[in-house]
Amino acid sequence: MTWSIGIYTGDSPYRLAPAKPGPVLTAADVNDVTADFVADPFMLRRDSRWHMFFEVMNRERAQGEIALATSDDDGLSWTYRQVVIKEPFHLSYPYVFEWRSECYMVPETLGAGAIWLYKADDFPIRWSRQRRLIDGSHADPSIVRFADLWWMFSCSAPYQHDVLRLYFARDLDGPWKEHPRSPIVRNDKCRARPAGRLLQMDDRVIRFAQDCVPQYGTRVRGFEISELTRDRYVETELKLPVLSPGIDDWNRSGMHHIDAHQLSDDRWLACVDGANRRLAIDKRQ
């Protein structure tokens, strides 16, 4: 499928709609490599500017790389900058966040055989690998700081999309320990694979998951985590999907990612992605 990136707004992270017609970034905007698609966007506002990091699928290498775009108009329009992280292995899902005035990233690093922590040496352009956090093959690792602990959700079945594991640590560097209830999702393609940034809403955590039925990345569902402790885990699904396939060409085949940021009491900004299977077929013809 051909993935593109769009911007949604709304009065809640559960009630979002396109801020403008069509995508804000596509493979055609990438000018330093030949790209097949762009996907998995994460945003960070720093120095009065929005920075978006996302996967660029490099056609020549047949691997994902992490690229950067910026916005100076409240996140509504974006300018592509460049690829900022390239590794010998595939990269995607660049989960970027701030901690103690430093910028970090936990991207998907399946080919490295572990979840790796990256740090900005010179934000937003230069990044370096810092520490191996959790061994194994993990898709879409998603991290959040809650109740004085770090929590990591990841899909340990990256090609079946049906297992979700949970880890925790006192310090970002670790050591990381698997939760006694993990895996917290088993044999369920509708809610196992992470789909973007975890949100803290008062005393709760909201997680988003890809619904991979009938196919990978069909829609995004939301789950409210009401208990998250060293030995307890309880979540409840929101009534309606947060994102579903749209009516436009760019996202009519599926949506599988959201990164939502609260701008005010009643205004949210989110970067999302959408897919079109027909465009991918046309490219091969």
C-alpha atoms as a PDB file:
ATOM      1  CA  MET A   1       0.000   0.000   0.000  1.00  0.00           C
ATOM      2  CA  THR A   2       1.049   3.597  -0.540  1.00  0.00           C
ATOM      3  CA  TRP A   3       1.027   5.572   2.712  1.00  0.00           C
ATOM      4  CA  SER A   4       0.814   9.350   3.092  1.00  0.00           C
ATOM      5  CA  ILE A   5       0.599  11.713   6.074  1.00  0.00           C
ATOM      6  CA  GLY A   6      -2.273  14.008   6.994  1.00  0.00           C
ATOM      7  CA  ILE A   7      -3.193  16.488   9.721  1.00  0.00           C
ATOM      8  CA  TYR A   8      -6.395  16.159  11.742  1.00  0.00           C
ATOM      9  CA  THR A   9      -7.891  18.515  14.343  1.00  0.00           C
ATOM     10  CA  GLY A  10     -10.774  18.331  16.794  1.00  0.00           C
ATOM     11  CA  ASP A  11     -12.047  19.000  20.302  1.00  0.00           C
ATOM     12  CA  SER A  12     -10.829  15.611  21.580  1.00  0.00           C
ATOM     13  CA  PRO A  13      -8.249  12.972  20.586  1.00  0.00           C
ATOM     14  CA  TYR A  14     -11.271  10.694  20.007  1.00  0.00           C
ATOM     15  CA  ARG A  15     -13.123  13.150  17.741  1.00  0.00           C
ATOM     16  CA  LEU A  16     -10.852  14.276  14.933  1.00  0.00           C
ATOM     17  CA  ALA A  17     -11.385  15.308  11.322  1.00  0.00           C
ATOM     18  CA  PRO A  18      -9.131  16.451   8.475  1.00  0.00           C
ATOM     19  CA  ALA A  19      -7.789  19.977   9.014  1.00  0.00           C
ATOM     20  CA  LYS A  20      -7.553  20.406   5.240  1.00  0.00           C
ATOM     21  CA  PRO A  21      -8.277  18.217   2.217  1.00  0.00           C
ATOM     22  CA  GLY A  22      -5.709  15.605   1.275  1.00  0.00           C
ATOM     23  CA  PRO A  23      -2.330  14.710   2.779  1.00  0.00           C
ATOM     24  CA  VAL A  24       0.299  17.215   3.923  1.00  0.00           C
ATOM     25  CA  LEU A  25       3.236  14.940   3.055  1.00  0.00           C
ATOM     26  CA  THR A  26       3.614  12.254   0.389  1.00  0.00           C
ATOM     27  CA  ALA A  27       6.481  10.344  -1.200  1.00  0.00           C
ATOM     28  CA  ALA A  28       6.627  13.068  -3.849  1.00  0.00           C
ATOM     29  CA  ASP A  29       7.758  15.600  -1.216  1.00  0.00           C
ATOM     30  CA  VAL A  30      10.893  13.595  -0.392  1.00  0.00           C
ATOM     31  CA  ASN A  31      13.783  15.074  -2.378  1.00  0.00           C
ATOM     32  CA  ASP A  32      16.941  13.441  -0.998  1.00  0.00           C
ATOM     33  CA  VAL A  33      16.063   9.771  -1.615  1.00  0.00           C
ATOM     34  CA  THR A  34      13.672   7.967  -3.934  1.00  0.00           C
ATOM     35  CA  ALA A  35      10.694   7.207  -1.710  1.00  0.00           C
ATOM     36  CA  ASP A  36       7.907   4.680  -2.102  1.00  0.00           C
ATOM     37  CA  PHE A  37       5.868   6.107   0.772  1.00  0.00           C
ATOM     38  CA  VAL A  38       5.912   8.103   4.021  1.00  0.00           C
ATOM     39  CA  ALA A  39       4.234   6.887   7.236  1.00  0.00           C
ATOM     40  CA  ASP A  40       4.299   6.680  11.058  1.00  0.00           C
ATOM     41  CA  PRO A  41       4.511  10.417  11.874  1.00  0.00           C
ATOM     42  CA  PHE A  42       5.383  11.741  15.331  1.00  0.00           C
ATOM     43  CA  MET A  43       5.507  15.440  16.225  1.00  0.00           C
ATOM     44  CA  LEU A  44       7.405  17.514  18.764  1.00  0.00           C
ATOM     45  CA  ARG A  45       7.053  21.271  19.304  1.00  0.00           C
ATOM     46  CA  ARG A  46      10.367  22.880  20.170  1.00  0.00           C
ATOM     47  CA  ASP A  47      11.697  26.427  19.794  1.00  0.00           C
ATOM     48  CA  SER A  48       8.286  27.666  18.555  1.00  0.00           C
ATOM     49  CA  ARG A  49       8.346  25.235  15.631  1.00  0.00           C
ATOM     50  CA  TRP A  50       6.656  21.898  15.027  1.00  0.00           C
ATOM     51  CA  HIS A  51       9.005  19.080  14.025  1.00  0.00           C
ATOM     52  CA  MET A  52       7.651  15.907  12.473  1.00  0.00           C
ATOM     53  CA  PHE A  53       9.654  12.689  12.258  1.00  0.00           C
ATOM     54  CA  PHE A  54       8.404   9.852  10.084  1.00  0.00           C
ATOM     55  CA  GLU A  55       9.371   6.794   8.086  1.00  0.00           C
ATOM     56  CA  VAL A  56      10.539   7.221   4.501  1.00  0.00           C
ATOM     57  CA  MET A  57      10.657   3.966   2.588  1.00  0.00           C
ATOM     58  CA  ASN A  58      13.819   4.253   0.498  1.00  0.00           C
ATOM     59  CA  ARG A  59      13.102   2.427  -2.759  1.00  0.00           C
ATOM     60  CA  GLU A  60      16.759   1.849  -3.661  1.00  0.00           C
ATOM     61  CA  ARG A  61      17.660   0.329  -0.284  1.00  0.00           C
ATOM     62  CA  ALA A  62      14.238  -1.283   0.268  1.00  0.00           C
ATOM     63  CA  GLN A  63      14.484  -0.088   3.861  1.00  0.00           C
ATOM     64  CA  GLY A  64      12.867   2.545   6.003  1.00  0.00           C
ATOM     65  CA  GLU A  65      14.765   5.626   7.135  1.00  0.00           C
ATOM     66  CA  ILE A  66      13.738   8.428   9.504  1.00  0.00           C
ATOM     67  CA  ALA A  67      13.087  11.818   7.955  1.00  0.00           C
ATOM     68  CA  LEU A  68      12.150  15.293   9.176  1.00  0.00           C
ATOM     69  CA  ALA A  69       9.612  17.929   8.163  1.00  0.00           C
ATOM     70  CA  THR A  70       8.849  21.234   9.916  1.00  0.00           C
ATOM     71  CA  SER A  71       5.889  23.572  10.274  1.00  0.00           C
ATOM     72  CA  ASP A  72       5.751  27.237  11.260  1.00  0.00           C
ATOM     73  CA  ASP A  73       1.964  27.666  10.945  1.00  0.00           C
ATOM     74  CA  ASP A  74       0.619  25.661  13.884  1.00  0.00           C
ATOM     75  CA  GLY A  75       1.127  22.323  12.182  1.00  0.00           C
ATOM     76  CA  LEU A  76      -1.244  22.831   9.268  1.00  0.00           C
ATOM     77  CA  SER A  77       1.321  22.843   6.454  1.00  0.00           C
ATOM     78  CA  TRP A  78       4.724  21.184   6.350  1.00  0.00           C
ATOM     79  CA  THR A  79       8.074  21.523   4.577  1.00  0.00           C
ATOM     80  CA  TYR A  80      10.150  18.422   3.986  1.00  0.00           C
ATOM     81  CA  ARG A  81      13.750  18.779   5.221  1.00  0.00           C
ATOM     82  CA  GLN A  82      15.852  15.614   4.989  1.00  0.00           C
ATOM     83  CA  VAL A  83      16.565  12.086   6.156  1.00  0.00           C
ATOM     84  CA  VAL A  84      18.038  12.349   9.661  1.00  0.00           C
ATOM     85  CA  ILE A  85      18.638   8.706  10.673  1.00  0.00           C
ATOM     86  CA  LYS A  86      19.809   5.892   8.412  1.00  0.00           C
ATOM     87  CA  GLU A  87      20.978   2.516   9.677  1.00  0.00           C
ATOM     88  CA  PRO A  88      22.064  -0.803   8.120  1.00  0.00           C
ATOM     89  CA  PHE A  89      18.651  -2.111   9.227  1.00  0.00           C
ATOM     90  CA  HIS A  90      15.068  -0.985   8.623  1.00  0.00           C
ATOM     91  CA  LEU A  91      13.770   1.972  10.652  1.00  0.00           C
ATOM     92  CA  SER A  92      10.203   3.152  11.188  1.00  0.00           C
ATOM     93  CA  TYR A  93       7.820   4.486  13.868  1.00  0.00           C
ATOM     94  CA  PRO A  94      10.113   7.261  15.220  1.00  0.00           C
ATOM     95  CA  TYR A  95       8.516   7.761  18.663  1.00  0.00           C
ATOM     96  CA  VAL A  96      10.102  11.083  19.689  1.00  0.00           C
ATOM     97  CA  PHE A  97       9.756  12.662  23.140  1.00  0.00           C
ATOM     98  CA  GLU A  98      11.403  15.055  25.593  1.00  0.00           C
ATOM     99  CA  TRP A  99      12.802  14.167  28.996  1.00  0.00           C
ATOM    100  CA  ARG A 100      14.682  16.546  31.272  1.00  0.00           C
ATOM    101  CA  SER A 101      15.200  19.059  28.448  1.00  0.00           C
ATOM    102  CA  GLU A 102      16.728  16.453  26.133  1.00  0.00           C
ATOM    103  CA  CYS A 103      15.132  14.905  23.045  1.00  0.00           C
ATOM    104  CA  TYR A 104      14.957  11.146  22.654  1.00  0.00           C
ATOM    105  CA  MET A 105      13.532   8.699  20.161  1.00  0.00           C
ATOM    106  CA  VAL A 106      12.521   5.058  20.346  1.00  0.00           C
ATOM    107  CA  PRO A 107      12.007   3.954  16.734  1.00  0.00           C
ATOM    108  CA  GLU A 108      11.137   0.505  15.509  1.00  0.00           C
ATOM    109  CA  THR A 109      14.465  -1.317  15.037  1.00  0.00           C
ATOM    110  CA  LEU A 110      13.356  -4.866  14.250  1.00  0.00           C
ATOM    111  CA  GLY A 111      16.455  -5.740  12.264  1.00  0.00           C
ATOM    112  CA  ALA A 112      18.725  -4.801  15.162  1.00  0.00           C
ATOM    113  CA  GLY A 113      17.194  -7.514  17.351  1.00  0.00           C
ATOM    114  CA  ALA A 114      16.290  -5.090  20.123  1.00  0.00           C
ATOM    115  CA  ILE A 115      14.508  -1.870  21.041  1.00  0.00           C
ATOM    116  CA  TRP A 116      17.099   0.911  20.936  1.00  0.00           C
ATOM    117  CA  LEU A 117      17.068   4.366  22.539  1.00  0.00           C
ATOM    118  CA  TYR A 118      18.317   7.284  20.429  1.00  0.00           C
ATOM    119  CA  LYS A 119      19.258  10.762  21.624  1.00  0.00           C
ATOM    120  CA  ALA A 120      19.475  14.051  19.725  1.00  0.00           C
ATOM    121  CA  ASP A 121      23.075  15.245  19.622  1.00  0.00           C
ATOM    122  CA  ASP A 122      21.992  18.322  17.680  1.00  0.00           C
ATOM    123  CA  PHE A 123      18.200  18.527  17.481  1.00  0.00           C
ATOM    124  CA  PRO A 124      16.551  17.931  15.092  1.00  0.00           C
ATOM    125  CA  ILE A 125      19.214  16.784  12.596  1.00  0.00           C
ATOM    126  CA  ARG A 126      21.789  14.627  14.385  1.00  0.00           C
ATOM    127  CA  TRP A 127      20.856  11.543  16.401  1.00  0.00           C
ATOM    128  CA  SER A 128      22.886   8.709  17.885  1.00  0.00           C
ATOM    129  CA  ARG A 129      22.099   5.290  19.283  1.00  0.00           C
ATOM    130  CA  GLN A 130      22.470   5.356  23.063  1.00  0.00           C
ATOM    131  CA  ARG A 131      21.377   2.137  24.688  1.00  0.00           C
ATOM    132  CA  ARG A 132      19.867  -1.265  23.982  1.00  0.00           C
ATOM    133  CA  LEU A 133      16.679  -1.300  26.091  1.00  0.00           C
ATOM    134  CA  ILE A 134      14.840  -4.585  25.433  1.00  0.00           C
ATOM    135  CA  ASP A 135      16.086  -7.594  23.457  1.00  0.00           C
ATOM    136  CA  GLY A 136      13.983  -9.319  20.810  1.00  0.00           C
ATOM    137  CA  SER A 137      11.910  -8.434  17.757  1.00  0.00           C
ATOM    138  CA  HIS A 138       9.447  -5.695  18.649  1.00  0.00           C
ATOM    139  CA  ALA A 139       7.184  -3.754  16.300  1.00  0.00           C
ATOM    140  CA  ASP A 140       6.093  -0.189  17.042  1.00  0.00           C
ATOM    141  CA  PRO A 141       7.513   0.215  20.576  1.00  0.00           C
ATOM    142  CA  SER A 142       5.564   2.904  22.434  1.00  0.00           C
ATOM    143  CA  ILE A 143       6.830   4.545  25.603  1.00  0.00           C
ATOM    144  CA  VAL A 144       5.229   6.704  28.291  1.00  0.00           C
ATOM    145  CA  ARG A 145       6.165   8.097  31.707  1.00  0.00           C
ATOM    146  CA  PHE A 146       3.374   7.473  34.225  1.00  0.00           C
ATOM    147  CA  ALA A 147       3.215   7.167  38.042  1.00  0.00           C
ATOM    148  CA  ASP A 148       6.996   7.679  38.367  1.00  0.00           C
ATOM    149  CA  LEU A 149       7.802   4.760  36.070  1.00  0.00           C
ATOM    150  CA  TRP A 150       8.548   4.267  32.396  1.00  0.00           C
ATOM    151  CA  TRP A 151       6.250   1.914  30.479  1.00  0.00           C
ATOM    152  CA  MET A 152       6.890   0.297  27.092  1.00  0.00           C
ATOM    153  CA  PHE A 153       4.249  -1.367  24.911  1.00  0.00           C
ATOM    154  CA  SER A 154       5.374  -3.378  21.886  1.00  0.00           C
ATOM    155  CA  CYS A 155       4.109  -5.999  19.461  1.00  0.00           C
ATOM    156  CA  SER A 156       6.330  -9.084  19.664  1.00  0.00           C
ATOM    157  CA  ALA A 157       4.592 -10.716  16.684  1.00  0.00           C
ATOM    158  CA  PRO A 158       5.503  -8.151  14.008  1.00  0.00           C
ATOM    159  CA  TYR A 159       4.136 -10.153  11.100  1.00  0.00           C
ATOM    160  CA  GLN A 160       1.033 -11.575  12.782  1.00  0.00           C
ATOM    161  CA  HIS A 161       0.119  -8.305  14.607  1.00  0.00           C
ATOM    162  CA  ASP A 162      -1.633 -10.224  17.397  1.00  0.00           C
ATOM    163  CA  VAL A 163       0.512  -9.992  20.569  1.00  0.00           C
ATOM    164  CA  LEU A 164       1.112  -6.963  22.800  1.00  0.00           C
ATOM    165  CA  ARG A 165       3.760  -7.015  25.532  1.00  0.00           C
ATOM    166  CA  LEU A 166       4.273  -4.570  28.386  1.00  0.00           C
ATOM    167  CA  TYR A 167       7.516  -3.628  30.157  1.00  0.00           C
ATOM    168  CA  PHE A 168       8.425  -1.128  32.863  1.00  0.00           C
ATOM    169  CA  ALA A 169      11.516   0.523  34.315  1.00  0.00           C
ATOM    170  CA  ARG A 170      12.336   3.062  36.983  1.00  0.00           C
ATOM    171  CA  ASP A 171      14.877   4.826  34.754  1.00  0.00           C
ATOM    172  CA  LEU A 172      14.769   5.436  31.028  1.00  0.00           C
ATOM    173  CA  ASP A 173      18.060   3.576  30.592  1.00  0.00           C
ATOM    174  CA  GLY A 174      16.611   0.565  32.413  1.00  0.00           C
ATOM    175  CA  PRO A 175      16.858  -2.135  33.467  1.00  0.00           C
ATOM    176  CA  TRP A 176      13.517  -2.978  31.869  1.00  0.00           C
ATOM    177  CA  LYS A 177      11.336  -5.729  33.299  1.00  0.00           C
ATOM    178  CA  GLU A 178       8.393  -7.491  31.668  1.00  0.00           C
ATOM    179  CA  HIS A 179       5.071  -6.953  33.430  1.00  0.00           C
ATOM    180  CA  PRO A 180       3.654 -10.042  35.177  1.00  0.00           C
ATOM    181  CA  ARG A 181       0.440  -9.741  33.117  1.00  0.00           C
ATOM    182  CA  SER A 182       2.366  -9.566  29.849  1.00  0.00           C
ATOM    183  CA  PRO A 183       1.476 -10.377  27.143  1.00  0.00           C
ATOM    184  CA  ILE A 184      -1.525  -8.171  27.839  1.00  0.00           C
ATOM    185  CA  VAL A 185      -3.039  -9.030  24.432  1.00  0.00           C
ATOM    186  CA  ARG A 186      -2.866 -12.490  22.858  1.00  0.00           C
ATOM    187  CA  ASN A 187      -4.178 -13.764  19.520  1.00  0.00           C
ATOM    188  CA  ASP A 188      -6.061 -10.571  18.690  1.00  0.00           C
ATOM    189  CA  LYS A 189      -5.229  -8.668  15.499  1.00  0.00           C
ATOM    190  CA  CYS A 190      -7.827  -6.017  16.295  1.00  0.00           C
ATOM    191  CA  ARG A 191      -6.039  -4.473  19.289  1.00  0.00           C
ATOM    192  CA  ALA A 192      -2.484  -5.755  19.729  1.00  0.00           C
ATOM    193  CA  ARG A 193      -0.210  -3.634  17.540  1.00  0.00           C
ATOM    194  CA  PRO A 194       0.507  -0.074  18.766  1.00  0.00           C
ATOM    195  CA  ALA A 195      -0.719   2.812  16.617  1.00  0.00           C
ATOM    196  CA  GLY A 196       0.946   5.946  17.940  1.00  0.00           C
ATOM    197  CA  ARG A 197       1.689   8.077  20.976  1.00  0.00           C
ATOM    198  CA  LEU A 198       0.312   7.115  24.376  1.00  0.00           C
ATOM    199  CA  LEU A 199      -1.638   9.925  26.056  1.00  0.00           C
ATOM    200  CA  GLN A 200      -1.914  10.796  29.722  1.00  0.00           C
ATOM    201  CA  MET A 201      -5.414  12.026  30.561  1.00  0.00           C
ATOM    202  CA  ASP A 202      -5.641  12.897  34.272  1.00  0.00           C
ATOM    203  CA  ASP A 203      -5.051   9.602  36.106  1.00  0.00           C
ATOM    204  CA  ARG A 204      -5.458   7.436  33.026  1.00  0.00           C
ATOM    205  CA  VAL A 205      -3.377   6.446  30.036  1.00  0.00           C
ATOM    206  CA  ILE A 206      -4.894   6.176  26.569  1.00  0.00           C
ATOM    207  CA  ARG A 207      -3.306   3.793  24.121  1.00  0.00           C
ATOM    208  CA  PHE A 208      -4.048   3.438  20.430  1.00  0.00           C
ATOM    209  CA  ALA A 209      -3.940   0.163  18.526  1.00  0.00           C
ATOM    210  CA  GLN A 210      -4.056  -0.877  14.899  1.00  0.00           C
ATOM    211  CA  ASP A 211      -7.038  -2.924  13.861  1.00  0.00           C
ATOM    212  CA  CYS A 212      -5.453  -5.357  11.405  1.00  0.00           C
ATOM    213  CA  VAL A 213      -8.708  -7.037  10.335  1.00  0.00           C
ATOM    214  CA  PRO A 214      -9.385  -7.685   7.502  1.00  0.00           C
ATOM    215  CA  GLN A 215      -5.895  -6.421   6.621  1.00  0.00           C
ATOM    216  CA  TYR A 216      -2.884  -4.734   8.214  1.00  0.00           C
ATOM    217  CA  GLY A 217      -3.527  -1.128   9.215  1.00  0.00           C
ATOM    218  CA  THR A 218      -7.258  -0.944   8.534  1.00  0.00           C
ATOM    219  CA  ARG A 219      -8.217   1.471  11.346  1.00  0.00           C
ATOM    220  CA  VAL A 220      -7.159   2.804  14.754  1.00  0.00           C
ATOM    221  CA  ARG A 221      -8.901   1.878  17.994  1.00  0.00           C
ATOM    222  CA  GLY A 222      -8.528   3.553  21.389  1.00  0.00           C
ATOM    223  CA  PHE A 223      -8.225   1.984  24.849  1.00  0.00           C
ATOM    224  CA  GLU A 224      -8.491   3.653  28.239  1.00  0.00           C
ATOM    225  CA  ILE A 225      -6.082   2.143  30.767  1.00  0.00           C
ATOM    226  CA  SER A 226      -7.606   2.549  34.218  1.00  0.00           C
ATOM    227  CA  GLU A 227      -5.041   0.507  36.168  1.00  0.00           C
ATOM    228  CA  LEU A 228      -1.342   0.526  35.372  1.00  0.00           C
ATOM    229  CA  THR A 229       0.880  -0.646  38.212  1.00  0.00           C
ATOM    230  CA  ARG A 230       3.756  -3.071  38.664  1.00  0.00           C
ATOM    231  CA  ASP A 231       1.305  -5.952  39.049  1.00  0.00           C
ATOM    232  CA  ARG A 232      -2.037  -4.717  37.669  1.00  0.00           C
ATOM    233  CA  TYR A 233      -3.279  -3.868  34.183  1.00  0.00           C
ATOM    234  CA  VAL A 234      -6.868  -3.021  33.264  1.00  0.00           C
ATOM    235  CA  GLU A 235      -8.104  -1.361  30.065  1.00  0.00           C
ATOM    236  CA  THR A 236     -11.448  -0.633  28.419  1.00  0.00           C
ATOM    237  CA  GLU A 237     -11.994  -0.050  24.728  1.00  0.00           C
ATOM    238  CA  LEU A 238     -13.550   3.210  23.583  1.00  0.00           C
ATOM    239  CA  LYS A 239     -16.912   2.744  21.907  1.00  0.00           C
ATOM    240  CA  LEU A 240     -15.962   3.837  18.386  1.00  0.00           C
ATOM    241  CA  PRO A 241     -12.748   3.598  16.328  1.00  0.00           C
ATOM    242  CA  VAL A 242     -10.647   6.750  16.545  1.00  0.00           C
ATOM    243  CA  LEU A 243      -9.657   6.664  12.852  1.00  0.00           C
ATOM    244  CA  SER A 244     -11.219   4.765   9.963  1.00  0.00           C
ATOM    245  CA  PRO A 245     -10.606   4.655   6.195  1.00  0.00           C
ATOM    246  CA  GLY A 246     -11.596   7.905   4.504  1.00  0.00           C
ATOM    247  CA  ILE A 247     -13.350   8.723   1.275  1.00  0.00           C
ATOM    248  CA  ASP A 248     -10.370  10.382  -0.420  1.00  0.00           C
ATOM    249  CA  ASP A 249      -7.781   8.589  -2.522  1.00  0.00           C
ATOM    250  CA  TRP A 250      -4.947   9.021  -0.032  1.00  0.00           C
ATOM    251  CA  ASN A 251      -6.611   7.197   2.897  1.00  0.00           C
ATOM    252  CA  ARG A 252      -9.440   5.116   1.468  1.00  0.00           C
ATOM    253  CA  SER A 253      -7.666   1.771   2.105  1.00  0.00           C
ATOM    254  CA  GLY A 254      -6.756   2.255   5.756  1.00  0.00           C
ATOM    255  CA  MET A 255      -5.364   4.388   8.598  1.00  0.00           C
ATOM    256  CA  HIS A 256      -2.972   2.966  11.180  1.00  0.00           C
ATOM    257  CA  HIS A 257      -1.324   5.750  13.165  1.00  0.00           C
ATOM    258  CA  ILE A 258      -2.080   8.794  15.324  1.00  0.00           C
ATOM    259  CA  ASP A 259       0.009  11.260  17.329  1.00  0.00           C
ATOM    260  CA  ALA A 260      -2.334  13.710  19.088  1.00  0.00           C
ATOM    261  CA  HIS A 261      -1.286  16.858  20.979  1.00  0.00           C
ATOM    262  CA  GLN A 262      -3.495  19.068  23.132  1.00  0.00           C
ATOM    263  CA  LEU A 263      -3.216  22.748  22.183  1.00  0.00           C
ATOM    264  CA  SER A 264      -5.968  24.072  24.489  1.00  0.00           C
ATOM    265  CA  ASP A 265      -8.919  22.800  26.505  1.00  0.00           C
ATOM    266  CA  ASP A 266     -10.970  22.196  23.372  1.00  0.00           C
ATOM    267  CA  ARG A 267      -8.412  21.952  20.558  1.00  0.00           C
ATOM    268  CA  TRP A 268      -6.278  18.993  19.554  1.00  0.00           C
ATOM    269  CA  LEU A 269      -3.802  18.625  16.681  1.00  0.00           C
ATOM    270  CA  ALA A 270      -2.840  15.206  15.356  1.00  0.00           C
ATOM    271  CA  CYS A 271      -0.645  13.812  12.626  1.00  0.00           C
ATOM    272  CA  VAL A 272      -2.019  10.641  11.075  1.00  0.00           C
ATOM    273  CA  ASP A 273      -1.309   8.428   8.101  1.00  0.00           C
ATOM    274  CA  GLY A 274      -3.484   6.821   5.482  1.00  0.00           C
ATOM    275  CA  ALA A 275      -3.088   4.233   2.744  1.00  0.00           C
ATOM    276  CA  ASN A 276      -4.303   3.660  -0.766  1.00  0.00           C
ATOM    277  CA  ARG A 277      -3.899   0.156  -2.136  1.00  0.00           C
ATOM    278  CA  ARG A 278      -4.859   1.222  -5.665  1.00  0.00           C
ATOM    279  CA  LEU A 279      -2.023   3.764  -5.884  1.00  0.00           C
ATOM    280  CA  ALA A 280       0.489   1.075  -4.944  1.00  0.00           C
ATOM    281  CA  ILE A 281      -0.865  -1.160  -7.716  1.00  0.00           C
ATOM    282  CA  ASP A 282      -0.695   1.687 -10.230  1.00  0.00           C
ATOM    283  CA  LYS A 283       2.965   2.325  -9.358  1.00  0.00           C
ATOM    284  CA  ARG A 284       3.855  -1.272 -10.212  1.00  0.00           C
ATOM    285  CA  GLN A 285       2.200  -1.091 -13.640  1.00  0.00           C
END
